[in-house]
């Protein structure tokens, strides 16, 4: 999987989305909110073990896309923050990853 991640970085740059596009894409997602140049959502996983299991499940889609969210665990709650650091803002990839993460919950 590391090879895929490296190849991803050599692809063409993604376009940063404008405010109108971001709001439209947020409207397609449940529970995600804009947080500056990122989108964020918290997931209640019931307990610490559930939270850790959820984070483990994020690895495959994130690695598959070569796109890695910031993750914070607070016992039963996992907060996921997504942005495209290399582009300095939100891109279509961020919303694609958010949909894949939602499919895990």
PDB file of N, CA and C in Angstrom:
ATOM      1  N   UNK A   1       0.804  -1.193   0.000  1.00  0.00           N
ATOM      2  CA  UNK A   1       0.000   0.000   0.000  1.00  0.00           C
ATOM      3  C   UNK A   1       0.852   1.265   0.000  1.00  0.00           C
ATOM      4  N   UNK A   2       2.024   1.193   0.528  1.00  0.00           N
ATOM      5  CA  UNK A   2       2.884   2.379   0.547  1.00  0.00           C
ATOM      6  C   UNK A   2       3.248   2.822  -0.856  1.00  0.00           C
ATOM      7  N   UNK A   3       3.377   1.873  -1.774  1.00  0.00           N
ATOM      8  CA  UNK A   3       3.701   2.226  -3.153  1.00  0.00           C
ATOM      9  C   UNK A   3       2.584   3.091  -3.737  1.00  0.00           C
ATOM     10  N   UNK A   4       1.320   2.695  -3.501  1.00  0.00           N
ATOM     11  CA  UNK A   4       0.200   3.488  -3.997  1.00  0.00           C
ATOM     12  C   UNK A   4       0.245   4.909  -3.448  1.00  0.00           C
ATOM     13  N   UNK A   5       0.551   5.024  -2.173  1.00  0.00           N
ATOM     14  CA  UNK A   5       0.595   6.346  -1.548  1.00  0.00           C
ATOM     15  C   UNK A   5       1.661   7.210  -2.206  1.00  0.00           C
ATOM     16  N   UNK A   6       2.790   6.632  -2.506  1.00  0.00           N
ATOM     17  CA  UNK A   6       3.858   7.396  -3.157  1.00  0.00           C
ATOM     18  C   UNK A   6       3.450   7.809  -4.566  1.00  0.00           C
ATOM     19  N   UNK A   7       2.823   6.911  -5.297  1.00  0.00           N
ATOM     20  CA  UNK A   7       2.394   7.234  -6.651  1.00  0.00           C
ATOM     21  C   UNK A   7       1.369   8.352  -6.647  1.00  0.00           C
ATOM     22  N   UNK A   8       0.519   8.364  -5.650  1.00  0.00           N
ATOM     23  CA  UNK A   8      -0.528   9.379  -5.559  1.00  0.00           C
ATOM     24  C   UNK A   8       0.083  10.778  -5.541  1.00  0.00           C
ATOM     25  N   UNK A   9       1.174  10.946  -4.836  1.00  0.00           N
ATOM     26  CA  UNK A   9       1.789  12.262  -4.700  1.00  0.00           C
ATOM     27  C   UNK A   9       2.361  12.766  -6.022  1.00  0.00           C
ATOM     28  N   UNK A  10       2.542  11.898  -6.988  1.00  0.00           N
ATOM     29  CA  UNK A  10       3.102  12.301  -8.272  1.00  0.00           C
ATOM     30  C   UNK A  10       2.010  12.606  -9.295  1.00  0.00           C
ATOM     31  N   UNK A  11       0.762  12.469  -8.938  1.00  0.00           N
ATOM     32  CA  UNK A  11      -0.331  12.782  -9.840  1.00  0.00           C
ATOM     33  C   UNK A  11      -0.496  14.287  -9.942  1.00  0.00           C
ATOM     34  N   UNK A  12      -1.297  14.687 -10.914  1.00  0.00           N
ATOM     35  CA  UNK A  12      -1.549  16.111 -11.120  1.00  0.00           C
ATOM     36  C   UNK A  12      -2.226  16.710  -9.890  1.00  0.00           C
ATOM     37  N   UNK A  13      -1.980  17.983  -9.693  1.00  0.00           N
ATOM     38  CA  UNK A  13      -2.558  18.692  -8.559  1.00  0.00           C
ATOM     39  C   UNK A  13      -4.085  18.711  -8.672  1.00  0.00           C
ATOM     40  N   UNK A  14      -4.729  18.663  -7.518  1.00  0.00           N
ATOM     41  CA  UNK A  14      -6.188  18.744  -7.459  1.00  0.00           C
ATOM     42  C   UNK A  14      -6.584  20.213  -7.319  1.00  0.00           C
ATOM     43  N   UNK A  15      -7.705  20.566  -7.901  1.00  0.00           N
ATOM     44  CA  UNK A  15      -8.184  21.940  -7.801  1.00  0.00           C
ATOM     45  C   UNK A  15      -8.833  22.176  -6.439  1.00  0.00           C
ATOM     46  N   UNK A  16      -8.476  23.278  -5.815  1.00  0.00           N
ATOM     47  CA  UNK A  16      -9.125  23.675  -4.571  1.00  0.00           C
ATOM     48  C   UNK A  16     -10.527  24.152  -4.913  1.00  0.00           C
ATOM     49  N   UNK A  17     -11.504  23.687  -4.150  1.00  0.00           N
ATOM     50  CA  UNK A  17     -12.898  24.040  -4.405  1.00  0.00           C
ATOM     51  C   UNK A  17     -13.228  25.417  -3.849  1.00  0.00           C
ATOM     52  N   UNK A  18     -14.162  26.088  -4.499  1.00  0.00           N
ATOM     53  CA  UNK A  18     -14.656  27.369  -4.021  1.00  0.00           C
ATOM     54  C   UNK A  18     -15.757  27.168  -2.989  1.00  0.00           C
ATOM     55  N   UNK A  19     -16.155  28.242  -2.342  1.00  0.00           N
ATOM     56  CA  UNK A  19     -17.163  28.178  -1.282  1.00  0.00           C
ATOM     57  C   UNK A  19     -18.476  27.563  -1.747  1.00  0.00           C
ATOM     58  N   UNK A  20     -18.937  27.914  -2.925  1.00  0.00           N
ATOM     59  CA  UNK A  20     -20.213  27.390  -3.433  1.00  0.00           C
ATOM     60  C   UNK A  20     -20.118  25.878  -3.639  1.00  0.00           C
ATOM     61  N   UNK A  21     -19.005  25.423  -4.223  1.00  0.00           N
ATOM     62  CA  UNK A  21     -18.807  23.985  -4.439  1.00  0.00           C
ATOM     63  C   UNK A  21     -18.706  23.241  -3.110  1.00  0.00           C
ATOM     64  N   UNK A  22     -18.019  23.837  -2.161  1.00  0.00           N
ATOM     65  CA  UNK A  22     -17.861  23.203  -0.846  1.00  0.00           C
ATOM     66  C   UNK A  22     -19.209  23.051  -0.166  1.00  0.00           C
ATOM     67  N   UNK A  23     -20.004  24.088  -0.165  1.00  0.00           N
ATOM     68  CA  UNK A  23     -21.330  24.020   0.473  1.00  0.00           C
ATOM     69  C   UNK A  23     -22.215  22.988  -0.215  1.00  0.00           C
ATOM     70  N   UNK A  24     -22.142  22.908  -1.542  1.00  0.00           N
ATOM     71  CA  UNK A  24     -22.933  21.918  -2.274  1.00  0.00           C
ATOM     72  C   UNK A  24     -22.505  20.501  -1.897  1.00  0.00           C
ATOM     73  N   UNK A  25     -21.208  20.269  -1.822  1.00  0.00           N
ATOM     74  CA  UNK A  25     -20.717  18.936  -1.471  1.00  0.00           C
ATOM     75  C   UNK A  25     -21.014  18.593  -0.015  1.00  0.00           C
ATOM     76  N   UNK A  26     -20.958  19.579   0.873  1.00  0.00           N
ATOM     77  CA  UNK A  26     -21.332  19.335   2.264  1.00  0.00           C
ATOM     78  C   UNK A  26     -22.792  18.927   2.363  1.00  0.00           C
ATOM     79  N   UNK A  27     -23.630  19.481   1.499  1.00  0.00           N
ATOM     80  CA  UNK A  27     -25.046  19.133   1.481  1.00  0.00           C
ATOM     81  C   UNK A  27     -25.306  17.680   1.117  1.00  0.00           C
ATOM     82  N   UNK A  28     -24.320  17.040   0.488  1.00  0.00           N
ATOM     83  CA  UNK A  28     -24.431  15.626   0.110  1.00  0.00           C
ATOM     84  C   UNK A  28     -23.989  14.699   1.239  1.00  0.00           C
ATOM     85  N   UNK A  29     -23.418  15.260   2.296  1.00  0.00           N
ATOM     86  CA  UNK A  29     -22.882  14.471   3.407  1.00  0.00           C
ATOM     87  C   UNK A  29     -23.720  14.679   4.655  1.00  0.00           C
ATOM     88  N   UNK A  30     -23.757  13.671   5.503  1.00  0.00           N
ATOM     89  CA  UNK A  30     -24.515  13.755   6.746  1.00  0.00           C
ATOM     90  C   UNK A  30     -23.575  13.984   7.926  1.00  0.00           C
ATOM     91  N   UNK A  31     -23.730  15.137   8.588  1.00  0.00           N
ATOM     92  CA  UNK A  31     -22.989  15.378   9.816  1.00  0.00           C
ATOM     93  C   UNK A  31     -21.623  16.009   9.666  1.00  0.00           C
ATOM     94  N   UNK A  32     -21.153  16.193   8.453  1.00  0.00           N
ATOM     95  CA  UNK A  32     -19.865  16.837   8.240  1.00  0.00           C
ATOM     96  C   UNK A  32     -20.072  18.348   8.232  1.00  0.00           C
ATOM     97  N   UNK A  33     -19.102  19.082   8.780  1.00  0.00           N
ATOM     98  CA  UNK A  33     -19.175  20.537   8.821  1.00  0.00           C
ATOM     99  C   UNK A  33     -17.835  21.110   8.390  1.00  0.00           C
ATOM    100  N   UNK A  34     -17.890  22.295   7.856  1.00  0.00           N
ATOM    101  CA  UNK A  34     -16.663  22.979   7.464  1.00  0.00           C
ATOM    102  C   UNK A  34     -15.953  23.485   8.711  1.00  0.00           C
ATOM    103  N   UNK A  35     -14.647  23.343   8.701  1.00  0.00           N
ATOM    104  CA  UNK A  35     -13.800  23.828   9.786  1.00  0.00           C
ATOM    105  C   UNK A  35     -12.610  24.531   9.139  1.00  0.00           C
ATOM    106  N   UNK A  36     -12.811  25.774   8.726  1.00  0.00           N
ATOM    107  CA  UNK A  36     -11.766  26.501   8.009  1.00  0.00           C
ATOM    108  C   UNK A  36     -11.525  25.884   6.651  1.00  0.00           C
ATOM    109  N   UNK A  37     -10.296  25.436   6.402  1.00  0.00           N
ATOM    110  CA  UNK A  37      -9.935  24.812   5.129  1.00  0.00           C
ATOM    111  C   UNK A  37     -10.067  23.294   5.187  1.00  0.00           C
ATOM    112  N   UNK A  38     -10.924  22.800   6.078  1.00  0.00           N
ATOM    113  CA  UNK A  38     -11.109  21.356   6.256  1.00  0.00           C
ATOM    114  C   UNK A  38     -12.586  21.067   6.475  1.00  0.00           C
ATOM    115  N   UNK A  39     -12.924  19.772   6.474  1.00  0.00           N
ATOM    116  CA  UNK A  39     -14.233  19.321   6.913  1.00  0.00           C
ATOM    117  C   UNK A  39     -14.026  18.387   8.090  1.00  0.00           C
ATOM    118  N   UNK A  40     -15.011  18.349   8.991  1.00  0.00           N
ATOM    119  CA  UNK A  40     -14.843  17.601  10.248  1.00  0.00           C
ATOM    120  C   UNK A  40     -16.154  16.936  10.629  1.00  0.00           C
ATOM    121  N   UNK A  41     -16.017  15.752  11.221  1.00  0.00           N
ATOM    122  CA  UNK A  41     -17.172  15.024  11.749  1.00  0.00           C
ATOM    123  C   UNK A  41     -16.721  14.191  12.939  1.00  0.00           C
ATOM    124  N   UNK A  42     -17.588  14.106  13.949  1.00  0.00           N
ATOM    125  CA  UNK A  42     -17.336  13.247  15.109  1.00  0.00           C
ATOM    126  C   UNK A  42     -18.244  12.035  15.041  1.00  0.00           C
ATOM    127  N   UNK A  43     -17.692  10.892  15.406  1.00  0.00           N
ATOM    128  CA  UNK A  43     -18.404   9.617  15.392  1.00  0.00           C
ATOM    129  C   UNK A  43     -18.385   9.039  16.795  1.00  0.00           C
ATOM    130  N   UNK A  44     -19.547   8.693  17.329  1.00  0.00           N
ATOM    131  CA  UNK A  44     -19.628   8.036  18.639  1.00  0.00           C
ATOM    132  C   UNK A  44     -19.548   6.539  18.409  1.00  0.00           C
ATOM    133  N   UNK A  45     -18.497   5.920  18.930  1.00  0.00           N
ATOM    134  CA  UNK A  45     -18.269   4.483  18.715  1.00  0.00           C
ATOM    135  C   UNK A  45     -18.549   3.655  19.956  1.00  0.00           C
ATOM    136  N   UNK A  46     -19.166   4.254  20.977  1.00  0.00           N
ATOM    137  CA  UNK A  46     -19.614   3.493  22.139  1.00  0.00           C
ATOM    138  C   UNK A  46     -18.619   3.369  23.274  1.00  0.00           C
ATOM    139  N   UNK A  47     -17.369   3.113  22.942  1.00  0.00           N
ATOM    140  CA  UNK A  47     -16.326   2.985  23.958  1.00  0.00           C
ATOM    141  C   UNK A  47     -14.967   3.112  23.274  1.00  0.00           C
ATOM    142  N   UNK A  48     -13.908   3.035  24.067  1.00  0.00           N
ATOM    143  CA  UNK A  48     -12.564   3.220  23.537  1.00  0.00           C
ATOM    144  C   UNK A  48     -12.203   2.152  22.501  1.00  0.00           C
ATOM    145  N   UNK A  49     -12.561   0.904  22.769  1.00  0.00           N
ATOM    146  CA  UNK A  49     -12.249  -0.179  21.830  1.00  0.00           C
ATOM    147  C   UNK A  49     -12.962   0.062  20.499  1.00  0.00           C
ATOM    148  N   UNK A  50     -14.226   0.479  20.570  1.00  0.00           N
ATOM    149  CA  UNK A  50     -14.962   0.806  19.350  1.00  0.00           C
ATOM    150  C   UNK A  50     -14.307   1.933  18.574  1.00  0.00           C
ATOM    151  N   UNK A  51     -13.785   2.923  19.297  1.00  0.00           N
ATOM    152  CA  UNK A  51     -13.101   4.044  18.651  1.00  0.00           C
ATOM    153  C   UNK A  51     -11.837   3.572  17.939  1.00  0.00           C
ATOM    154  N   UNK A  52     -11.050   2.762  18.601  1.00  0.00           N
ATOM    155  CA  UNK A  52      -9.808   2.259  18.009  1.00  0.00           C
ATOM    156  C   UNK A  52     -10.124   1.382  16.793  1.00  0.00           C
ATOM    157  N   UNK A  53     -11.134   0.540  16.898  1.00  0.00           N
ATOM    158  CA  UNK A  53     -11.531  -0.309  15.768  1.00  0.00           C
ATOM    159  C   UNK A  53     -11.959   0.540  14.570  1.00  0.00           C
ATOM    160  N   UNK A  54     -12.685   1.617  14.832  1.00  0.00           N
ATOM    161  CA  UNK A  54     -13.124   2.515  13.764  1.00  0.00           C
ATOM    162  C   UNK A  54     -11.913   3.157  13.074  1.00  0.00           C
ATOM    163  N   UNK A  55     -10.959   3.609  13.867  1.00  0.00           N
ATOM    164  CA  UNK A  55      -9.756   4.214  13.286  1.00  0.00           C
ATOM    165  C   UNK A  55      -9.001   3.188  12.446  1.00  0.00           C
ATOM    166  N   UNK A  56      -8.904   1.960  12.925  1.00  0.00           N
ATOM    167  CA  UNK A  56      -8.250   0.902  12.140  1.00  0.00           C
ATOM    168  C   UNK A  56      -8.958   0.710  10.805  1.00  0.00           C
ATOM    169  N   UNK A  57     -10.285   0.797  10.814  1.00  0.00           N
ATOM    170  CA  UNK A  57     -11.058   0.619   9.582  1.00  0.00           C
ATOM    171  C   UNK A  57     -10.813   1.754   8.586  1.00  0.00           C
ATOM    172  N   UNK A  58     -10.410   2.925   9.063  1.00  0.00           N
ATOM    173  CA  UNK A  58     -10.136   4.063   8.187  1.00  0.00           C
ATOM    174  C   UNK A  58      -8.873   3.872   7.362  1.00  0.00           C
ATOM    175  N   UNK A  59      -7.989   3.013   7.829  1.00  0.00           N
ATOM    176  CA  UNK A  59      -6.688   2.858   7.184  1.00  0.00           C
ATOM    177  C   UNK A  59      -6.829   2.438   5.721  1.00  0.00           C
ATOM    178  N   UNK A  60      -7.644   1.437   5.447  1.00  0.00           N
ATOM    179  CA  UNK A  60      -7.730   0.918   4.080  1.00  0.00           C
ATOM    180  C   UNK A  60      -8.211   1.964   3.075  1.00  0.00           C
ATOM    181  N   UNK A  61      -9.349   2.618   3.310  1.00  0.00           N
ATOM    182  CA  UNK A  61      -9.751   3.623   2.310  1.00  0.00           C
ATOM    183  C   UNK A  61      -8.779   4.799   2.215  1.00  0.00           C
ATOM    184  N   UNK A  62      -8.210   5.221   3.333  1.00  0.00           N
ATOM    185  CA  UNK A  62      -7.265   6.339   3.301  1.00  0.00           C
ATOM    186  C   UNK A  62      -6.003   5.958   2.526  1.00  0.00           C
ATOM    187  N   UNK A  63      -5.455   4.797   2.809  1.00  0.00           N
ATOM    188  CA  UNK A  63      -4.268   4.333   2.091  1.00  0.00           C
ATOM    189  C   UNK A  63      -4.579   4.111   0.620  1.00  0.00           C
ATOM    190  N   UNK A  64      -5.758   3.559   0.342  1.00  0.00           N
ATOM    191  CA  UNK A  64      -6.146   3.309  -1.044  1.00  0.00           C
ATOM    192  C   UNK A  64      -6.195   4.584  -1.872  1.00  0.00           C
ATOM    193  N   UNK A  65      -6.564   5.681  -1.225  1.00  0.00           N
ATOM    194  CA  UNK A  65      -6.616   6.967  -1.917  1.00  0.00           C
ATOM    195  C   UNK A  65      -5.305   7.747  -1.789  1.00  0.00           C
ATOM    196  N   UNK A  66      -4.420   7.295  -0.903  1.00  0.00           N
ATOM    197  CA  UNK A  66      -3.222   8.072  -0.631  1.00  0.00           C
ATOM    198  C   UNK A  66      -3.582   9.416  -0.018  1.00  0.00           C
ATOM    199  N   UNK A  67      -4.635   9.406   0.788  1.00  0.00           N
ATOM    200  CA  UNK A  67      -5.185  10.645   1.351  1.00  0.00           C
ATOM    201  C   UNK A  67      -5.523  10.364   2.809  1.00  0.00           C
ATOM    202  N   UNK A  68      -4.865  11.051   3.725  1.00  0.00           N
ATOM    203  CA  UNK A  68      -4.919  10.647   5.127  1.00  0.00           C
ATOM    204  C   UNK A  68      -5.533  11.727   6.007  1.00  0.00           C
ATOM    205  N   UNK A  69      -6.602  11.378   6.717  1.00  0.00           N
ATOM    206  CA  UNK A  69      -7.263  12.349   7.586  1.00  0.00           C
ATOM    207  C   UNK A  69      -6.508  12.533   8.900  1.00  0.00           C
ATOM    208  N   UNK A  70      -6.792  13.630   9.558  1.00  0.00           N
ATOM    209  CA  UNK A  70      -6.347  13.809  10.937  1.00  0.00           C
ATOM    210  C   UNK A  70      -7.413  13.170  11.812  1.00  0.00           C
ATOM    211  N   UNK A  71      -6.987  12.413  12.813  1.00  0.00           N
ATOM    212  CA  UNK A  71      -7.912  11.660  13.656  1.00  0.00           C
ATOM    213  C   UNK A  71      -7.599  11.949  15.121  1.00  0.00           C
ATOM    214  N   UNK A  72      -8.656  12.199  15.898  1.00  0.00           N
ATOM    215  CA  UNK A  72      -8.508  12.400  17.338  1.00  0.00           C
ATOM    216  C   UNK A  72      -9.488  11.478  18.045  1.00  0.00           C
ATOM    217  N   UNK A  73      -8.993  10.750  19.046  1.00  0.00           N
ATOM    218  CA  UNK A  73      -9.835   9.849  19.832  1.00  0.00           C
ATOM    219  C   UNK A  73      -9.990  10.425  21.235  1.00  0.00           C
ATOM    220  N   UNK A  74     -11.235  10.489  21.689  1.00  0.00           N
ATOM    221  CA  UNK A  74     -11.536  10.860  23.063  1.00  0.00           C
ATOM    222  C   UNK A  74     -12.517   9.823  23.594  1.00  0.00           C
ATOM    223  N   UNK A  75     -11.996   8.771  24.139  1.00  0.00           N
ATOM    224  CA  UNK A  75     -12.678   7.593  24.647  1.00  0.00           C
ATOM    225  C   UNK A  75     -13.646   7.015  23.618  1.00  0.00           C
ATOM    226  N   UNK A  76     -14.926   7.391  23.625  1.00  0.00           N
ATOM    227  CA  UNK A  76     -15.881   6.787  22.691  1.00  0.00           C
ATOM    228  C   UNK A  76     -16.082   7.607  21.419  1.00  0.00           C
ATOM    229  N   UNK A  77     -15.444   8.755  21.342  1.00  0.00           N
ATOM    230  CA  UNK A  77     -15.663   9.647  20.204  1.00  0.00           C
ATOM    231  C   UNK A  77     -14.411   9.768  19.350  1.00  0.00           C
ATOM    232  N   UNK A  78     -14.616   9.617  18.050  1.00  0.00           N
ATOM    233  CA  UNK A  78     -13.542   9.798  17.082  1.00  0.00           C
ATOM    234  C   UNK A  78     -13.889  11.017  16.236  1.00  0.00           C
ATOM    235  N   UNK A  79     -12.992  11.988  16.208  1.00  0.00           N
ATOM    236  CA  UNK A  79     -13.190  13.159  15.362  1.00  0.00           C
ATOM    237  C   UNK A  79     -12.236  13.056  14.181  1.00  0.00           C
ATOM    238  N   UNK A  80     -12.822  13.136  12.980  1.00  0.00           N
ATOM    239  CA  UNK A  80     -12.052  13.018  11.746  1.00  0.00           C
ATOM    240  C   UNK A  80     -12.060  14.379  11.053  1.00  0.00           C
ATOM    241  N   UNK A  81     -10.873  14.849  10.698  1.00  0.00           N
ATOM    242  CA  UNK A  81     -10.722  16.115   9.987  1.00  0.00           C
ATOM    243  C   UNK A  81     -10.000  15.828   8.677  1.00  0.00           C
ATOM    244  N   UNK A  82     -10.565  16.340   7.591  1.00  0.00           N
ATOM    245  CA  UNK A  82     -10.003  16.061   6.273  1.00  0.00           C
ATOM    246  C   UNK A  82      -9.752  17.377   5.532  1.00  0.00           C
ATOM    247  N   UNK A  83      -8.580  17.485   4.935  1.00  0.00           N
ATOM    248  CA  UNK A  83      -8.228  18.573   4.031  1.00  0.00           C
ATOM    249  C   UNK A  83      -7.139  18.064   3.105  1.00  0.00           C
ATOM    250  N   UNK A  84      -6.897  18.788   2.045  1.00  0.00           N
ATOM    251  CA  UNK A  84      -5.787  18.440   1.165  1.00  0.00           C
ATOM    252  C   UNK A  84      -4.661  19.417   1.467  1.00  0.00           C
ATOM    253  N   UNK A  85      -3.782  19.004   2.375  1.00  0.00           N
ATOM    254  CA  UNK A  85      -2.697  19.870   2.830  1.00  0.00           C
ATOM    255  C   UNK A  85      -1.842  20.374   1.666  1.00  0.00           C
ATOM    256  N   UNK A  86      -1.561  19.489   0.713  1.00  0.00           N
ATOM    257  CA  UNK A  86      -0.683  19.857  -0.395  1.00  0.00           C
ATOM    258  C   UNK A  86      -1.273  20.957  -1.266  1.00  0.00           C
ATOM    259  N   UNK A  87      -2.606  21.077  -1.262  1.00  0.00           N
ATOM    260  CA  UNK A  87      -3.260  22.100  -2.081  1.00  0.00           C
ATOM    261  C   UNK A  87      -3.681  23.314  -1.263  1.00  0.00           C
ATOM    262  N   UNK A  88      -3.607  23.204   0.057  1.00  0.00           N
ATOM    263  CA  UNK A  88      -3.949  24.332   0.909  1.00  0.00           C
ATOM    264  C   UNK A  88      -5.441  24.574   1.042  1.00  0.00           C
ATOM    265  N   UNK A  89      -6.228  23.531   0.893  1.00  0.00           N
ATOM    266  CA  UNK A  89      -7.679  23.694   1.020  1.00  0.00           C
ATOM    267  C   UNK A  89      -8.422  22.424   0.694  1.00  0.00           C
ATOM    268  N   UNK A  90      -9.709  22.568   0.483  1.00  0.00           N
ATOM    269  CA  UNK A  90     -10.574  21.422   0.212  1.00  0.00           C
ATOM    270  C   UNK A  90     -10.637  21.113  -1.281  1.00  0.00           C
ATOM    271  N   UNK A  91     -10.534  19.823  -1.597  1.00  0.00           N
ATOM    272  CA  UNK A  91     -10.635  19.347  -2.978  1.00  0.00           C
ATOM    273  C   UNK A  91     -11.702  18.258  -3.037  1.00  0.00           C
ATOM    274  N   UNK A  92     -12.021  17.815  -4.229  1.00  0.00           N
ATOM    275  CA  UNK A  92     -13.003  16.746  -4.408  1.00  0.00           C
ATOM    276  C   UNK A  92     -12.580  15.487  -3.653  1.00  0.00           C
ATOM    277  N   UNK A  93     -11.277  15.242  -3.529  1.00  0.00           N
ATOM    278  CA  UNK A  93     -10.785  14.059  -2.815  1.00  0.00           C
ATOM    279  C   UNK A  93     -11.231  14.040  -1.352  1.00  0.00           C
ATOM    280  N   UNK A  94     -11.302  15.205  -0.746  1.00  0.00           N
ATOM    281  CA  UNK A  94     -11.711  15.273   0.654  1.00  0.00           C
ATOM    282  C   UNK A  94     -13.135  14.756   0.827  1.00  0.00           C
ATOM    283  N   UNK A  95     -13.995  15.122  -0.082  1.00  0.00           N
ATOM    284  CA  UNK A  95     -15.388  14.707   0.004  1.00  0.00           C
ATOM    285  C   UNK A  95     -15.557  13.234  -0.376  1.00  0.00           C
ATOM    286  N   UNK A  96     -14.728  12.766  -1.287  1.00  0.00           N
ATOM    287  CA  UNK A  96     -14.746  11.339  -1.634  1.00  0.00           C
ATOM    288  C   UNK A  96     -14.331  10.499  -0.425  1.00  0.00           C
ATOM    289  N   UNK A  97     -13.275  10.925   0.268  1.00  0.00           N
ATOM    290  CA  UNK A  97     -12.844  10.189   1.455  1.00  0.00           C
ATOM    291  C   UNK A  97     -13.910  10.254   2.547  1.00  0.00           C
ATOM    292  N   UNK A  98     -14.546  11.400   2.721  1.00  0.00           N
ATOM    293  CA  UNK A  98     -15.609  11.522   3.726  1.00  0.00           C
ATOM    294  C   UNK A  98     -16.726  10.523   3.458  1.00  0.00           C
ATOM    295  N   UNK A  99     -17.101  10.346   2.198  1.00  0.00           N
ATOM    296  CA  UNK A  99     -18.146   9.365   1.847  1.00  0.00           C
ATOM    297  C   UNK A  99     -17.693   7.950   2.186  1.00  0.00           C
ATOM    298  N   UNK A 100     -16.436   7.642   1.933  1.00  0.00           N
ATOM    299  CA  UNK A 100     -15.921   6.307   2.248  1.00  0.00           C
ATOM    300  C   UNK A 100     -15.896   6.082   3.760  1.00  0.00           C
ATOM    301  N   UNK A 101     -15.563   7.106   4.523  1.00  0.00           N
ATOM    302  CA  UNK A 101     -15.555   6.983   5.975  1.00  0.00           C
ATOM    303  C   UNK A 101     -16.973   6.815   6.489  1.00  0.00           C
ATOM    304  N   UNK A 102     -17.912   7.563   5.941  1.00  0.00           N
ATOM    305  CA  UNK A 102     -19.313   7.410   6.349  1.00  0.00           C
ATOM    306  C   UNK A 102     -19.813   5.985   6.097  1.00  0.00           C
ATOM    307  N   UNK A 103     -19.353   5.377   5.029  1.00  0.00           N
ATOM    308  CA  UNK A 103     -19.788   4.013   4.702  1.00  0.00           C
ATOM    309  C   UNK A 103     -19.310   3.001   5.739  1.00  0.00           C
ATOM    310  N   UNK A 104     -18.291   3.365   6.514  1.00  0.00           N
ATOM    311  CA  UNK A 104     -17.764   2.472   7.569  1.00  0.00           C
ATOM    312  C   UNK A 104     -18.570   2.543   8.853  1.00  0.00           C
ATOM    313  N   UNK A 105     -19.294   3.649   9.040  1.00  0.00           N
ATOM    314  CA  UNK A 105     -19.963   3.842  10.331  1.00  0.00           C
ATOM    315  C   UNK A 105     -21.346   3.248  10.389  1.00  0.00           C
TER     316      UNK A 105
END
